[in-house]
Amino acid sequence: MASPLLRIGTRGSPLALKQAELVRAALGAARPELGAPGAIEMVPIRTSGDRIQDRLLSEAGGKGLFTKEIEEALLAGAVDLAVHSAKDMETWLPPGLVIAGVLPREDPRDALISRSTVKGLADLPRGAVLGTASLRRQAQALMRRPDLRVVPFRGNVDTRVRRLAEGQADATLLALAGLKRLGMEAAGSVLPPEEMLPAAGQGIIAIESRLSDEPCGALLRLIDDPPSSVCLEAERAVLATLDGTCRTPIAALGERVGPDRLRLRALIALPDGSRSVEEEETGLLSDAAALGVELGRRILAKAGPEFLRAVR
């Protein structure tokens, strides 16, 4: 059997494999030789985030737990590309690695899934139990419903839906993009960004490669989606300015408005939802990174050092 032309590193969950398949299909459409059977090999890699299920990510080391082992394989040459949910990626990538392409963004909003028919957080019964491992979702839910009781919910989409059905919580929050890619979008009620601002990069599939591997970089430029890429650039600039980690409840969403302009919204909150700072700005697409930095600085100025010490 001939060796594969490319090896894609990915987590082994159903959603991660689906996302990697979308990348494989895009590469095959861009370069016919990559569409041949066996031309691209999937290499599932079990990450620390997959193994550690008894603690919040913020307590176990942060969202990099979902990318660390895959990035190590990429740096070692065991795989040629790494496919991630952009929201799971660390704010600062390991030296030598780069996000070389992104696929068109799926709907970035969150969905509320409950054991009863509700349309939003306001419809949940008083004192309802909300299962989530995301400090961002926890903080924003408590901002609007301080009576809710939040419990940790870890695992892939199927696991969390099953735990909900078993009665371990009254409701949970999941990324609508993941639900749609798995054909499960009917399971939840979509929350508008005004109610639940998404995580930076939510809905975007990011493809990471070695900076020194120009042939792979050239391939990924063929499938890169510039509108999604510029939104991700702005959102990650907010994270970098706020020194964002999984231990900091931060939300950011960039959206194109018109042919050459970008609307950027960002929020930072205390985990208990008792205080938050939110800012919004519109600027040129060509200034996406600078817009993210400026918005982050404005949030820092309003939040103050005491606020940031509290969330770190």
Protein backbone atom coordinates (compact mmCIF):
# COMPACT_ATOMS: atom_id res chain seq x y z
CA MET A 1 0.00 0.00 0.00
CA ALA A 2 1.37 3.42 -0.95
CA SER A 3 2.21 5.83 1.86
CA PRO A 4 -0.32 8.63 2.41
CA LEU A 5 0.51 12.04 0.98
CA LEU A 6 -0.70 13.76 4.13
CA ARG A 7 -1.36 12.72 7.73
CA ILE A 8 -3.95 14.67 9.74
CA GLY A 9 -3.72 14.69 13.52
CA THR A 10 -7.06 14.98 15.31
CA ARG A 11 -8.84 14.06 18.50
CA GLY A 12 -10.81 10.85 18.27
CA SER A 13 -14.27 12.07 19.31
CA PRO A 14 -17.10 11.82 16.75
CA LEU A 15 -17.17 15.60 16.36
CA ALA A 16 -13.40 15.91 15.97
CA LEU A 17 -13.33 13.17 13.35
CA LYS A 18 -16.20 14.84 11.49
CA GLN A 19 -14.27 18.10 11.45
CA ALA A 20 -11.14 16.36 10.20
CA GLU A 21 -13.22 14.74 7.45
CA LEU A 22 -14.40 18.20 6.39
CA VAL A 23 -10.76 19.26 6.06
CA ARG A 24 -9.93 16.11 4.09
CA ALA A 25 -12.86 16.79 1.74
CA ALA A 26 -11.80 20.40 1.22
CA LEU A 27 -8.22 19.37 0.41
CA GLY A 28 -9.47 16.69 -1.98
CA ALA A 29 -11.64 19.23 -3.77
CA ALA A 30 -8.72 21.66 -4.07
CA ARG A 31 -6.17 19.08 -5.22
CA PRO A 32 -7.58 15.98 -7.02
CA GLU A 33 -4.63 13.77 -6.06
CA LEU A 34 -5.56 14.33 -2.38
CA GLY A 35 -9.06 13.06 -3.06
CA ALA A 36 -7.84 9.60 -4.03
CA PRO A 37 -8.46 6.74 -1.55
CA GLY A 38 -5.65 6.55 1.00
CA ALA A 39 -4.10 9.87 -0.02
CA ILE A 40 -4.86 11.44 3.37
CA GLU A 41 -4.56 9.43 6.57
CA MET A 42 -6.44 10.30 9.74
CA VAL A 43 -4.34 9.91 12.89
CA PRO A 44 -6.58 10.01 16.01
CA ILE A 45 -4.68 11.19 19.08
CA ARG A 46 -6.00 10.91 22.62
CA THR A 47 -5.37 14.17 24.45
CA SER A 48 -5.11 15.01 28.14
CA GLY A 49 -8.46 16.78 27.86
CA ASP A 50 -10.02 13.50 26.72
CA ARG A 51 -8.46 11.53 29.57
CA ILE A 52 -9.19 13.96 32.41
CA GLN A 53 -12.94 13.90 33.03
CA ASP A 54 -13.17 14.45 36.79
CA ARG A 55 -12.05 18.09 36.90
CA LEU A 56 -12.81 21.39 35.20
CA LEU A 57 -10.35 22.34 32.47
CA SER A 58 -9.50 25.47 34.45
CA GLU A 59 -8.35 23.23 37.31
CA ALA A 60 -6.54 20.66 35.16
CA GLY A 61 -4.36 22.98 33.10
CA GLY A 62 -6.54 24.88 30.64
CA LYS A 63 -7.96 24.36 27.18
CA GLY A 64 -4.51 23.47 25.81
CA LEU A 65 -5.21 20.00 27.18
CA PHE A 66 -7.22 19.38 24.00
CA THR A 67 -4.33 20.32 21.70
CA LYS A 68 -1.05 19.56 23.53
CA GLU A 69 -0.47 15.97 22.38
CA ILE A 70 -1.60 16.73 18.82
CA GLU A 71 0.78 19.67 18.61
CA GLU A 72 3.60 17.53 19.99
CA ALA A 73 2.95 14.99 17.22
CA LEU A 74 2.95 17.81 14.66
CA LEU A 75 6.27 19.21 15.92
CA ALA A 76 7.78 15.70 15.93
CA GLY A 77 6.74 15.10 12.31
CA ALA A 78 4.37 12.25 13.21
CA VAL A 79 1.56 14.16 11.45
CA ASP A 80 1.63 16.87 8.78
CA LEU A 81 -1.45 18.86 9.81
CA ALA A 82 -3.50 19.24 12.98
CA VAL A 83 -7.23 19.94 12.95
CA HIS A 84 -8.75 21.70 15.96
CA SER A 85 -11.87 23.51 17.05
CA ALA A 86 -10.41 27.02 17.07
CA LYS A 87 -12.01 27.77 20.45
CA ASP A 88 -9.94 24.96 22.02
CA MET A 89 -6.59 26.41 20.94
CA GLU A 90 -4.26 28.19 23.34
CA THR A 91 -3.93 31.94 22.93
CA TRP A 92 -0.23 31.51 22.16
CA LEU A 93 0.81 28.62 19.92
CA PRO A 94 3.99 26.60 20.51
CA PRO A 95 7.02 28.06 18.68
CA GLY A 96 7.23 26.74 15.15
CA LEU A 97 3.49 26.20 14.68
CA VAL A 98 0.95 28.39 12.91
CA ILE A 99 -2.75 28.42 12.03
CA ALA A 100 -2.29 28.07 8.27
CA GLY A 101 -5.95 27.86 7.25
CA VAL A 102 -9.52 27.80 8.50
CA LEU A 103 -12.71 26.44 6.98
CA PRO A 104 -15.85 28.59 6.56
CA ARG A 105 -17.32 29.32 9.96
CA GLU A 106 -20.39 27.42 11.09
CA ASP A 107 -22.96 29.21 13.26
CA PRO A 108 -20.96 30.45 16.29
CA ARG A 109 -23.85 30.66 18.76
CA ASP A 110 -24.53 28.46 21.77
CA ALA A 111 -27.57 26.22 22.16
CA LEU A 112 -29.45 25.45 25.37
CA ILE A 113 -30.46 21.81 25.74
CA SER A 114 -32.86 20.93 28.53
CA ARG A 115 -34.99 18.07 29.78
CA SER A 116 -38.09 20.21 29.19
CA THR A 117 -39.07 22.54 26.38
CA VAL A 118 -37.50 25.94 27.05
CA LYS A 119 -36.46 28.67 24.63
CA GLY A 120 -33.87 30.41 26.77
CA LEU A 121 -32.26 30.81 30.17
CA ALA A 122 -35.23 32.85 31.39
CA ASP A 123 -37.52 29.84 30.91
CA LEU A 124 -35.59 27.52 33.22
CA PRO A 125 -37.29 26.82 36.58
CA ARG A 126 -36.01 28.76 39.57
CA GLY A 127 -32.96 27.03 41.08
CA ALA A 128 -32.50 24.79 38.03
CA VAL A 129 -29.23 22.86 37.71
CA LEU A 130 -27.11 23.90 34.74
CA GLY A 131 -24.33 21.52 33.69
CA THR A 132 -21.29 23.10 32.08
CA ALA A 133 -17.51 22.98 32.36
CA SER A 134 -17.12 26.38 30.67
CA LEU A 135 -16.45 29.36 32.95
CA ARG A 136 -17.58 31.62 30.09
CA ARG A 137 -20.98 29.93 29.91
CA GLN A 138 -21.23 29.72 33.70
CA ALA A 139 -20.50 33.42 34.17
CA GLN A 140 -22.93 34.62 31.51
CA ALA A 141 -25.69 32.28 32.71
CA LEU A 142 -25.29 33.52 36.29
CA MET A 143 -25.23 37.13 35.10
CA ARG A 144 -28.78 36.62 33.86
CA ARG A 145 -29.95 33.92 36.28
CA PRO A 146 -28.06 34.12 39.60
CA ASP A 147 -30.47 31.58 41.08
CA LEU A 148 -29.16 28.78 38.86
CA ARG A 149 -26.95 26.08 40.37
CA VAL A 150 -24.00 25.27 38.10
CA VAL A 151 -22.41 21.81 38.20
CA PRO A 152 -19.40 20.54 36.19
CA PHE A 153 -20.26 18.76 32.93
CA ARG A 154 -17.38 17.25 30.96
CA GLY A 155 -17.22 14.90 27.99
CA ASN A 156 -18.01 14.94 24.28
CA VAL A 157 -21.40 15.98 22.91
CA ASP A 158 -22.97 12.52 23.19
CA THR A 159 -21.73 12.12 26.76
CA ARG A 160 -23.16 15.43 27.89
CA VAL A 161 -26.51 14.80 26.22
CA ARG A 162 -26.64 11.37 27.87
CA ARG A 163 -25.80 12.80 31.29
CA LEU A 164 -28.58 15.33 30.84
CA ALA A 165 -31.06 12.58 29.95
CA GLU A 166 -29.98 10.68 33.10
CA GLY A 167 -31.07 13.65 35.19
CA GLN A 168 -27.64 14.85 36.29
CA ALA A 169 -28.71 18.41 35.35
CA ASP A 170 -31.80 20.23 34.13
CA ALA A 171 -30.02 21.87 31.20
CA THR A 172 -26.66 22.25 29.51
CA LEU A 173 -25.08 24.50 26.89
CA LEU A 174 -23.33 23.30 23.74
CA ALA A 175 -21.87 24.97 20.67
CA LEU A 176 -24.48 25.02 17.92
CA ALA A 177 -21.72 24.42 15.34
CA GLY A 178 -20.89 21.04 16.84
CA LEU A 179 -24.53 20.05 17.03
CA LYS A 180 -25.06 20.98 13.38
CA ARG A 181 -22.00 19.05 12.23
CA LEU A 182 -23.35 16.00 14.05
CA GLY A 183 -26.88 16.49 12.72
CA MET A 184 -28.22 17.25 16.21
CA GLU A 185 -29.16 20.92 15.87
CA ALA A 186 -32.82 20.18 16.59
CA ALA A 187 -31.87 19.11 20.13
CA GLY A 188 -31.48 22.64 21.50
CA SER A 189 -32.75 26.21 21.52
CA VAL A 190 -30.35 28.72 19.99
CA LEU A 191 -29.25 31.56 22.27
CA PRO A 192 -28.55 34.95 20.65
CA PRO A 193 -25.12 36.51 21.26
CA GLU A 194 -26.84 39.19 23.34
CA GLU A 195 -27.74 36.46 25.83
CA MET A 196 -24.66 34.23 25.50
CA LEU A 197 -21.66 35.71 23.70
CA PRO A 198 -19.64 32.84 22.16
CA ALA A 199 -16.07 31.82 22.85
CA ALA A 200 -13.39 33.28 20.60
CA GLY A 201 -13.12 31.05 17.54
CA GLN A 202 -16.34 29.14 18.22
CA GLY A 203 -17.68 27.51 15.05
CA ILE A 204 -14.33 27.71 13.24
CA ILE A 205 -12.26 24.66 12.26
CA ALA A 206 -8.59 25.68 12.42
CA ILE A 207 -5.79 23.81 10.66
CA GLU A 208 -2.34 24.02 12.22
CA SER A 209 0.93 23.26 10.47
CA ARG A 210 4.65 23.69 10.96
CA LEU A 211 5.85 27.16 10.03
CA SER A 212 8.79 25.56 8.22
CA ASP A 213 6.56 23.33 6.08
CA GLU A 214 5.85 25.63 3.15
CA PRO A 215 4.31 22.91 0.91
CA CYS A 216 1.64 22.27 3.55
CA GLY A 217 1.20 25.98 4.06
CA ALA A 218 0.59 26.44 0.34
CA LEU A 219 -2.00 23.64 0.36
CA LEU A 220 -3.86 25.15 3.28
CA ARG A 221 -3.94 28.57 1.66
CA LEU A 222 -6.00 26.95 -1.11
CA ILE A 223 -8.79 26.07 1.32
CA ASP A 224 -8.50 28.98 3.74
CA ASP A 225 -11.68 31.05 4.13
CA PRO A 226 -10.62 34.73 4.43
CA PRO A 227 -13.88 36.01 6.03
CA SER A 228 -13.62 33.42 8.81
CA SER A 229 -9.88 33.91 9.13
CA VAL A 230 -10.18 37.67 9.68
CA CYS A 231 -12.84 37.18 12.37
CA LEU A 232 -10.61 34.65 14.14
CA GLU A 233 -7.67 37.04 13.94
CA ALA A 234 -9.66 39.77 15.68
CA GLU A 235 -11.05 37.43 18.35
CA ARG A 236 -7.65 35.92 19.14
CA ALA A 237 -6.19 39.43 19.40
CA VAL A 238 -8.73 40.11 22.15
CA LEU A 239 -7.61 36.95 23.97
CA ALA A 240 -3.95 37.88 23.66
CA THR A 241 -4.57 41.39 24.99
CA LEU A 242 -6.61 40.11 27.93
CA ASP A 243 -4.08 37.33 28.59
CA GLY A 244 -6.99 34.98 28.10
CA THR A 245 -6.86 31.43 29.40
CA CYS A 246 -9.42 28.77 30.24
CA ARG A 247 -9.36 30.20 33.77
CA THR A 248 -10.70 33.54 32.53
CA PRO A 249 -14.34 33.89 31.45
CA ILE A 250 -13.84 35.69 28.10
CA ALA A 251 -16.16 35.86 25.10
CA ALA A 252 -15.48 37.43 21.71
CA LEU A 253 -17.32 37.48 18.38
CA GLY A 254 -16.31 39.12 15.12
CA GLU A 255 -18.83 39.51 12.31
CA ARG A 256 -18.49 41.02 8.86
CA VAL A 257 -20.79 43.99 8.31
CA GLY A 258 -20.70 45.19 4.72
CA PRO A 259 -17.97 44.42 2.21
CA ASP A 260 -15.00 45.74 4.17
CA ARG A 261 -15.98 46.23 7.80
CA LEU A 262 -15.91 44.10 10.94
CA ARG A 263 -18.08 44.32 14.05
CA LEU A 264 -16.31 42.99 17.13
CA ARG A 265 -17.89 42.33 20.52
CA ALA A 266 -16.00 41.11 23.58
CA LEU A 267 -16.74 40.44 27.23
CA ILE A 268 -14.88 39.53 30.39
CA ALA A 269 -16.69 38.44 33.54
CA LEU A 270 -16.21 37.12 37.02
CA PRO A 271 -16.93 33.37 37.23
CA ASP A 272 -19.90 33.97 39.54
CA GLY A 273 -21.44 36.46 37.10
CA SER A 274 -21.48 39.26 39.68
CA ARG A 275 -19.55 41.64 37.44
CA SER A 276 -18.72 41.91 33.76
CA VAL A 277 -17.30 44.36 31.25
CA GLU A 278 -18.45 44.30 27.63
CA GLU A 279 -17.27 46.43 24.72
CA GLU A 280 -18.09 46.68 21.01
CA GLU A 281 -16.38 48.35 18.06
CA THR A 282 -16.59 48.41 14.27
CA GLY A 283 -13.59 48.86 12.00
CA LEU A 284 -11.98 47.85 8.73
CA LEU A 285 -11.41 44.18 7.98
CA SER A 286 -7.80 45.05 7.22
CA ASP A 287 -7.41 46.30 10.80
CA ALA A 288 -8.85 43.13 12.43
CA ALA A 289 -5.92 42.44 14.77
CA ALA A 290 -5.58 46.08 15.78
CA LEU A 291 -9.32 46.22 16.46
CA GLY A 292 -9.03 43.22 18.77
CA VAL A 293 -6.11 44.77 20.64
CA GLU A 294 -7.95 48.09 21.04
CA LEU A 295 -11.11 46.41 22.32
CA GLY A 296 -9.09 44.32 24.75
CA ARG A 297 -7.31 47.40 26.08
CA ARG A 298 -10.60 49.20 26.63
CA ILE A 299 -11.93 46.23 28.59
CA LEU A 300 -8.75 46.09 30.68
CA ALA A 301 -9.02 49.79 31.46
CA LYS A 302 -12.62 49.41 32.67
CA ALA A 303 -12.05 46.14 34.52
CA GLY A 304 -9.09 47.28 36.57
CA PRO A 305 -6.37 45.16 38.22
CA GLU A 306 -8.59 43.91 41.06
CA PHE A 307 -11.07 42.44 38.58
CA LEU A 308 -8.38 40.63 36.61
CA ARG A 309 -6.77 39.21 39.75
CA ALA A 310 -10.16 37.83 40.72
CA VAL A 311 -10.64 35.93 37.46
CA ARG A 312 -7.10 34.54 37.20
